[in-house]
Amino acid sequence: MFIIYIANYIQQRDGYPSDPNNIYLCNGASDGIKTIIKLLMNHNPKKPSGIMIPVPHIPLYSATLSEYGAHQIDYYLDEDNNWTLNIDELERALNESKDRSAPCGIVIINPGNPTGQVLSSENIKNVIRFAHKHQLFILADEVYQENVYLPGSKFFSFKQALMDLGAPYNHMEMGIEYLIFCFSISIFVFSYLPASFHSASKGWHG
């Protein structure tokens, strides 16, 4: 029954159907994040899996990548422009990492932690296009989606942006939506190669 409530929430938020059969419950955000990252590991010590993470970021991601022997690919947010995400910077970071790793994923924190920035719908769509181009799994950390207070700012989920884009972005290899809902933070893993994280405790009970 709880899973049905979650699916209804996602559908009401994004305006697209959410299948309760594709929802997975886990015990807290850290466990969910670690599970997904572990699935992305190639276990090749000579050229380990590479995960792109923003700078600045929360320690969870860098600690998890270190624990699993993954290569951390840092991309820098633009502090002078309210910590926005620049696609040229993503391309730079990715290209410079290819000699040392096999890039397979990118972490996006929206709203930002610790920066607090809120990505626009078009910015999110550009990230999806970037990930599609390079076949990267998107880990969209959307824990603080209920905590947007600046006038004029509005939260857009990666799922909504993905579905708004349409084909080919919403009809990739996996082709279905997954939701991993943690009792403290939920993780939505969408269509081709993305996952998104949302928190009930951070937004509603924190």
C-alpha atoms as a PDB file:
ATOM      1  CA  MET A   1       0.000   0.000   0.000  1.00  0.00           C
ATOM      2  CA  PHE A   2       2.845   2.397   0.856  1.00  0.00           C
ATOM      3  CA  ILE A   3       4.333   1.807  -2.591  1.00  0.00           C
ATOM      4  CA  ILE A   4       1.063   2.883  -4.202  1.00  0.00           C
ATOM      5  CA  TYR A   5       1.141   6.161  -2.263  1.00  0.00           C
ATOM      6  CA  ILE A   6       4.692   6.754  -3.474  1.00  0.00           C
ATOM      7  CA  ALA A   7       3.724   6.072  -7.089  1.00  0.00           C
ATOM      8  CA  ASN A   8       0.764   8.453  -6.777  1.00  0.00           C
ATOM      9  CA  TYR A   9       3.049  11.152  -5.393  1.00  0.00           C
ATOM     10  CA  ILE A  10       5.490  10.773  -8.297  1.00  0.00           C
ATOM     11  CA  GLN A  11       2.652  10.873 -10.818  1.00  0.00           C
ATOM     12  CA  GLN A  12       1.114  13.976  -9.250  1.00  0.00           C
ATOM     13  CA  ARG A  13       4.496  15.686  -9.086  1.00  0.00           C
ATOM     14  CA  ASP A  14       5.580  15.011 -12.660  1.00  0.00           C
ATOM     15  CA  GLY A  15       2.356  14.504 -14.580  1.00  0.00           C
ATOM     16  CA  TYR A  16       3.466  11.128 -15.905  1.00  0.00           C
ATOM     17  CA  PRO A  17       2.441   7.612 -14.819  1.00  0.00           C
ATOM     18  CA  SER A  18       4.516   5.866 -12.149  1.00  0.00           C
ATOM     19  CA  ASP A  19       4.294   2.068 -11.930  1.00  0.00           C
ATOM     20  CA  PRO A  20       4.192   0.734  -8.327  1.00  0.00           C
ATOM     21  CA  ASN A  21       5.607  -2.568  -9.598  1.00  0.00           C
ATOM     22  CA  ASN A  22       8.872  -0.786 -10.367  1.00  0.00           C
ATOM     23  CA  ILE A  23       9.301   0.668  -6.876  1.00  0.00           C
ATOM     24  CA  TYR A  24      11.957  -0.678  -4.533  1.00  0.00           C
ATOM     25  CA  LEU A  25      12.117   0.261  -0.840  1.00  0.00           C
ATOM     26  CA  CYS A  26      15.438   0.597   0.940  1.00  0.00           C
ATOM     27  CA  ASN A  27      16.605   1.582   4.396  1.00  0.00           C
ATOM     28  CA  GLY A  28      18.004   5.073   4.096  1.00  0.00           C
ATOM     29  CA  ALA A  29      19.721   7.100   1.394  1.00  0.00           C
ATOM     30  CA  SER A  30      23.258   5.894   1.986  1.00  0.00           C
ATOM     31  CA  ASP A  31      22.303   2.259   1.435  1.00  0.00           C
ATOM     32  CA  GLY A  32      20.388   3.110  -1.712  1.00  0.00           C
ATOM     33  CA  ILE A  33      23.161   5.250  -3.162  1.00  0.00           C
ATOM     34  CA  LYS A  34      25.819   2.666  -2.371  1.00  0.00           C
ATOM     35  CA  THR A  35      23.757  -0.104  -3.954  1.00  0.00           C
ATOM     36  CA  ILE A  36      23.401   1.769  -7.224  1.00  0.00           C
ATOM     37  CA  ILE A  37      27.049   2.832  -7.369  1.00  0.00           C
ATOM     38  CA  LYS A  38      28.167  -0.713  -6.605  1.00  0.00           C
ATOM     39  CA  LEU A  39      26.144  -1.968  -9.574  1.00  0.00           C
ATOM     40  CA  LEU A  40      28.102   0.404 -11.823  1.00  0.00           C
ATOM     41  CA  MET A  41      31.524  -0.944 -10.831  1.00  0.00           C
ATOM     42  CA  ASN A  42      33.485  -2.860 -13.484  1.00  0.00           C
ATOM     43  CA  HIS A  43      36.077  -4.291 -11.020  1.00  0.00           C
ATOM     44  CA  ASN A  44      38.936  -3.434 -13.380  1.00  0.00           C
ATOM     45  CA  PRO A  45      41.884  -2.102 -11.321  1.00  0.00           C
ATOM     46  CA  LYS A  46      43.727  -0.906 -14.447  1.00  0.00           C
ATOM     47  CA  LYS A  47      40.815   1.236 -15.659  1.00  0.00           C
ATOM     48  CA  PRO A  48      38.155   1.425 -12.925  1.00  0.00           C
ATOM     49  CA  SER A  49      34.634   2.707 -13.347  1.00  0.00           C
ATOM     50  CA  GLY A  50      34.497   6.487 -13.258  1.00  0.00           C
ATOM     51  CA  ILE A  51      31.699   8.483 -11.626  1.00  0.00           C
ATOM     52  CA  MET A  52      31.366  12.225 -12.186  1.00  0.00           C
ATOM     53  CA  ILE A  53      30.563  14.179  -9.026  1.00  0.00           C
ATOM     54  CA  PRO A  54      30.134  17.926  -8.472  1.00  0.00           C
ATOM     55  CA  VAL A  55      32.535  20.149  -6.567  1.00  0.00           C
ATOM     56  CA  PRO A  56      31.540  21.090  -3.925  1.00  0.00           C
ATOM     57  CA  HIS A  57      29.617  17.991  -2.834  1.00  0.00           C
ATOM     58  CA  ILE A  58      28.632  16.069   0.271  1.00  0.00           C
ATOM     59  CA  PRO A  59      31.192  13.474   1.506  1.00  0.00           C
ATOM     60  CA  LEU A  60      28.907  10.481   0.884  1.00  0.00           C
ATOM     61  CA  TYR A  61      29.753  10.220  -2.792  1.00  0.00           C
ATOM     62  CA  SER A  62      33.530  10.580  -2.607  1.00  0.00           C
ATOM     63  CA  ALA A  63      33.653   8.201   0.372  1.00  0.00           C
ATOM     64  CA  THR A  64      31.562   5.601  -1.457  1.00  0.00           C
ATOM     65  CA  LEU A  65      33.669   5.832  -4.612  1.00  0.00           C
ATOM     66  CA  SER A  66      36.825   5.402  -2.546  1.00  0.00           C
ATOM     67  CA  GLU A  67      35.334   2.420  -0.714  1.00  0.00           C
ATOM     68  CA  TYR A  68      34.482   0.652  -3.979  1.00  0.00           C
ATOM     69  CA  GLY A  69      37.711   1.526  -5.767  1.00  0.00           C
ATOM     70  CA  ALA A  70      36.004   3.738  -8.342  1.00  0.00           C
ATOM     71  CA  HIS A  71      37.628   6.721 -10.038  1.00  0.00           C
ATOM     72  CA  GLN A  72      36.257  10.088  -8.894  1.00  0.00           C
ATOM     73  CA  ILE A  73      35.714  12.494 -11.795  1.00  0.00           C
ATOM     74  CA  ASP A  74      35.371  16.009 -10.392  1.00  0.00           C
ATOM     75  CA  TYR A  75      33.397  18.618 -12.287  1.00  0.00           C
ATOM     76  CA  TYR A  76      33.223  22.149 -10.905  1.00  0.00           C
ATOM     77  CA  LEU A  77      30.057  24.174 -10.397  1.00  0.00           C
ATOM     78  CA  ASP A  78      30.198  27.812 -11.489  1.00  0.00           C
ATOM     79  CA  GLU A  79      30.329  29.812  -8.256  1.00  0.00           C
ATOM     80  CA  ASP A  80      30.209  33.158 -10.084  1.00  0.00           C
ATOM     81  CA  ASN A  81      26.884  32.207 -11.658  1.00  0.00           C
ATOM     82  CA  ASN A  82      25.058  30.958  -8.562  1.00  0.00           C
ATOM     83  CA  TRP A  83      26.693  27.519  -8.694  1.00  0.00           C
ATOM     84  CA  THR A  84      25.148  26.648 -12.044  1.00  0.00           C
ATOM     85  CA  LEU A  85      26.080  23.522 -13.979  1.00  0.00           C
ATOM     86  CA  ASN A  86      27.977  24.133 -17.209  1.00  0.00           C
ATOM     87  CA  ILE A  87      27.888  21.496 -19.958  1.00  0.00           C
ATOM     88  CA  ASP A  88      31.311  22.582 -21.267  1.00  0.00           C
ATOM     89  CA  GLU A  89      32.731  21.843 -17.819  1.00  0.00           C
ATOM     90  CA  LEU A  90      31.131  18.392 -17.895  1.00  0.00           C
ATOM     91  CA  GLU A  91      32.736  17.700 -21.269  1.00  0.00           C
ATOM     92  CA  ARG A  92      36.123  18.857 -19.974  1.00  0.00           C
ATOM     93  CA  ALA A  93      35.993  16.695 -16.865  1.00  0.00           C
ATOM     94  CA  LEU A  94      34.811  13.651 -18.798  1.00  0.00           C
ATOM     95  CA  ASN A  95      37.441  13.938 -21.532  1.00  0.00           C
ATOM     96  CA  GLU A  96      40.271  14.360 -19.038  1.00  0.00           C
ATOM     97  CA  SER A  97      39.213  11.237 -17.145  1.00  0.00           C
ATOM     98  CA  LYS A  98      39.082   8.763 -20.017  1.00  0.00           C
ATOM     99  CA  ASP A  99      42.765   7.803 -19.826  1.00  0.00           C
ATOM    100  CA  ARG A 100      42.400   6.868 -16.143  1.00  0.00           C
ATOM    101  CA  SER A 101      38.911   5.401 -15.952  1.00  0.00           C
ATOM    102  CA  ALA A 102      35.894   4.020 -17.764  1.00  0.00           C
ATOM    103  CA  PRO A 103      33.272   6.739 -17.153  1.00  0.00           C
ATOM    104  CA  CYS A 104      29.866   5.232 -16.478  1.00  0.00           C
ATOM    105  CA  GLY A 105      27.872   7.637 -14.299  1.00  0.00           C
ATOM    106  CA  ILE A 106      27.249  11.220 -13.255  1.00  0.00           C
ATOM    107  CA  VAL A 107      25.911  12.570  -9.954  1.00  0.00           C
ATOM    108  CA  ILE A 108      23.707  15.670 -10.071  1.00  0.00           C
ATOM    109  CA  ILE A 109      22.614  17.234  -6.772  1.00  0.00           C
ATOM    110  CA  ASN A 110      19.466  19.321  -7.254  1.00  0.00           C
ATOM    111  CA  PRO A 111      18.653  21.334  -5.220  1.00  0.00           C
ATOM    112  CA  GLY A 112      22.341  21.627  -4.478  1.00  0.00           C
ATOM    113  CA  ASN A 113      24.000  20.488  -1.282  1.00  0.00           C
ATOM    114  CA  PRO A 114      25.883  22.407   0.054  1.00  0.00           C
ATOM    115  CA  THR A 115      25.352  25.109  -2.579  1.00  0.00           C
ATOM    116  CA  GLY A 116      21.539  25.385  -2.589  1.00  0.00           C
ATOM    117  CA  GLN A 117      21.217  26.085  -6.319  1.00  0.00           C
ATOM    118  CA  VAL A 118      18.092  24.907  -8.174  1.00  0.00           C
ATOM    119  CA  LEU A 119      18.546  23.739 -11.751  1.00  0.00           C
ATOM    120  CA  SER A 120      16.214  24.956 -14.473  1.00  0.00           C
ATOM    121  CA  SER A 121      14.263  22.514 -16.596  1.00  0.00           C
ATOM    122  CA  GLU A 122      16.449  23.311 -19.608  1.00  0.00           C
ATOM    123  CA  ASN A 123      19.637  22.783 -17.605  1.00  0.00           C
ATOM    124  CA  ILE A 124      18.384  19.346 -16.550  1.00  0.00           C
ATOM    125  CA  LYS A 125      17.486  18.482 -20.134  1.00  0.00           C
ATOM    126  CA  ASN A 126      21.000  19.450 -21.226  1.00  0.00           C
ATOM    127  CA  VAL A 127      22.417  17.077 -18.612  1.00  0.00           C
ATOM    128  CA  ILE A 128      20.188  14.297 -19.947  1.00  0.00           C
ATOM    129  CA  ARG A 129      21.398  15.005 -23.487  1.00  0.00           C
ATOM    130  CA  PHE A 130      24.998  14.926 -22.247  1.00  0.00           C
ATOM    131  CA  ALA A 131      24.457  11.614 -20.461  1.00  0.00           C
ATOM    132  CA  HIS A 132      22.710  10.164 -23.497  1.00  0.00           C
ATOM    133  CA  LYS A 133      25.597  11.222 -25.730  1.00  0.00           C
ATOM    134  CA  HIS A 134      28.174   9.557 -23.486  1.00  0.00           C
ATOM    135  CA  GLN A 135      25.999   6.674 -22.206  1.00  0.00           C
ATOM    136  CA  LEU A 136      26.260   7.698 -18.554  1.00  0.00           C
ATOM    137  CA  PHE A 137      24.010   6.576 -15.725  1.00  0.00           C
ATOM    138  CA  ILE A 138      22.463   9.638 -14.061  1.00  0.00           C
ATOM    139  CA  LEU A 139      22.260   9.701 -10.267  1.00  0.00           C
ATOM    140  CA  ALA A 140      20.007  12.680  -9.579  1.00  0.00           C
ATOM    141  CA  ASP A 141      20.158  13.581  -5.896  1.00  0.00           C
ATOM    142  CA  GLU A 142      16.820  15.336  -5.351  1.00  0.00           C
ATOM    143  CA  VAL A 143      16.726  15.023  -1.585  1.00  0.00           C
ATOM    144  CA  TYR A 144      15.898  18.676  -0.955  1.00  0.00           C
ATOM    145  CA  GLN A 145      13.217  19.096  -3.614  1.00  0.00           C
ATOM    146  CA  GLU A 146      10.683  20.230  -1.008  1.00  0.00           C
ATOM    147  CA  ASN A 147      13.073  22.882   0.305  1.00  0.00           C
ATOM    148  CA  VAL A 148      12.942  25.541  -2.426  1.00  0.00           C
ATOM    149  CA  TYR A 149      12.204  28.944  -0.952  1.00  0.00           C
ATOM    150  CA  LEU A 150      13.715  31.587  -3.256  1.00  0.00           C
ATOM    151  CA  PRO A 151      11.027  33.518  -5.151  1.00  0.00           C
ATOM    152  CA  GLY A 152      11.078  32.551  -8.801  1.00  0.00           C
ATOM    153  CA  SER A 153      12.790  29.217  -8.174  1.00  0.00           C
ATOM    154  CA  LYS A 154      10.970  26.016  -9.003  1.00  0.00           C
ATOM    155  CA  PHE A 155      12.043  22.397  -8.665  1.00  0.00           C
ATOM    156  CA  PHE A 156      11.930  20.176 -11.751  1.00  0.00           C
ATOM    157  CA  SER A 157      12.616  16.460 -11.423  1.00  0.00           C
ATOM    158  CA  PHE A 158      14.860  14.520 -13.779  1.00  0.00           C
ATOM    159  CA  LYS A 159      11.994  12.174 -14.515  1.00  0.00           C
ATOM    160  CA  GLN A 160       9.756  15.001 -15.657  1.00  0.00           C
ATOM    161  CA  ALA A 161      12.508  16.483 -17.827  1.00  0.00           C
ATOM    162  CA  LEU A 162      13.298  13.063 -19.279  1.00  0.00           C
ATOM    163  CA  MET A 163       9.682  12.401 -20.179  1.00  0.00           C
ATOM    164  CA  ASP A 164       9.237  15.930 -21.539  1.00  0.00           C
ATOM    165  CA  LEU A 165      12.165  15.349 -23.906  1.00  0.00           C
ATOM    166  CA  GLY A 166      10.530  12.265 -25.370  1.00  0.00           C
ATOM    167  CA  ALA A 167      12.300   9.908 -27.771  1.00  0.00           C
ATOM    168  CA  PRO A 168      15.038   8.841 -27.893  1.00  0.00           C
ATOM    169  CA  TYR A 169      15.766   9.861 -24.295  1.00  0.00           C
ATOM    170  CA  ASN A 170      12.816   8.091 -22.694  1.00  0.00           C
ATOM    171  CA  HIS A 171      13.188   4.924 -24.757  1.00  0.00           C
ATOM    172  CA  MET A 172      16.718   3.765 -24.089  1.00  0.00           C
ATOM    173  CA  GLU A 173      18.145   0.388 -23.100  1.00  0.00           C
ATOM    174  CA  MET A 174      16.217  -0.253 -19.890  1.00  0.00           C
ATOM    175  CA  GLY A 175      13.110   1.491 -21.079  1.00  0.00           C
ATOM    176  CA  ILE A 176      11.260   1.556 -17.755  1.00  0.00           C
ATOM    177  CA  GLU A 177      11.099   3.695 -14.661  1.00  0.00           C
ATOM    178  CA  TYR A 178      12.378   2.426 -11.360  1.00  0.00           C
ATOM    179  CA  LEU A 179      11.868   4.002  -7.983  1.00  0.00           C
ATOM    180  CA  ILE A 180      13.976   3.183  -4.995  1.00  0.00           C
ATOM    181  CA  PHE A 181      12.267   4.824  -2.052  1.00  0.00           C
ATOM    182  CA  CYS A 182      14.273   5.043   1.135  1.00  0.00           C
ATOM    183  CA  PHE A 183      12.544   5.798   4.385  1.00  0.00           C
ATOM    184  CA  SER A 184      14.797   8.806   4.776  1.00  0.00           C
ATOM    185  CA  ILE A 185      15.586   9.465   1.103  1.00  0.00           C
ATOM    186  CA  SER A 186      14.067   8.116  -2.066  1.00  0.00           C
ATOM    187  CA  ILE A 187      15.838   7.328  -5.288  1.00  0.00           C
ATOM    188  CA  PHE A 188      14.094   7.376  -8.637  1.00  0.00           C
ATOM    189  CA  VAL A 189      15.902   5.469 -11.377  1.00  0.00           C
ATOM    190  CA  PHE A 190      14.482   6.367 -14.751  1.00  0.00           C
ATOM    191  CA  SER A 191      14.307   5.144 -18.310  1.00  0.00           C
ATOM    192  CA  TYR A 192      17.719   4.586 -19.827  1.00  0.00           C
ATOM    193  CA  LEU A 193      20.520   5.252 -17.370  1.00  0.00           C
ATOM    194  CA  PRO A 194      19.429   7.589 -14.575  1.00  0.00           C
ATOM    195  CA  ALA A 195      18.576   7.460 -10.879  1.00  0.00           C
ATOM    196  CA  SER A 196      17.113  10.204  -8.709  1.00  0.00           C
ATOM    197  CA  PHE A 197      17.024  10.680  -4.945  1.00  0.00           C
ATOM    198  CA  HIS A 198      14.265  12.288  -2.874  1.00  0.00           C
ATOM    199  CA  SER A 199      13.833  12.631   0.873  1.00  0.00           C
ATOM    200  CA  ALA A 200      10.651  12.528   2.868  1.00  0.00           C
ATOM    201  CA  SER A 201      12.511  13.316   6.069  1.00  0.00           C
ATOM    202  CA  LYS A 202      14.423  16.282   4.601  1.00  0.00           C
ATOM    203  CA  GLY A 203      11.366  17.842   3.007  1.00  0.00           C
ATOM    204  CA  TRP A 204       8.476  16.904   5.247  1.00  0.00           C
ATOM    205  CA  HIS A 205       9.706  15.858   8.664  1.00  0.00           C
ATOM    206  CA  GLY A 206      13.159  17.466   8.993  1.00  0.00           C
END
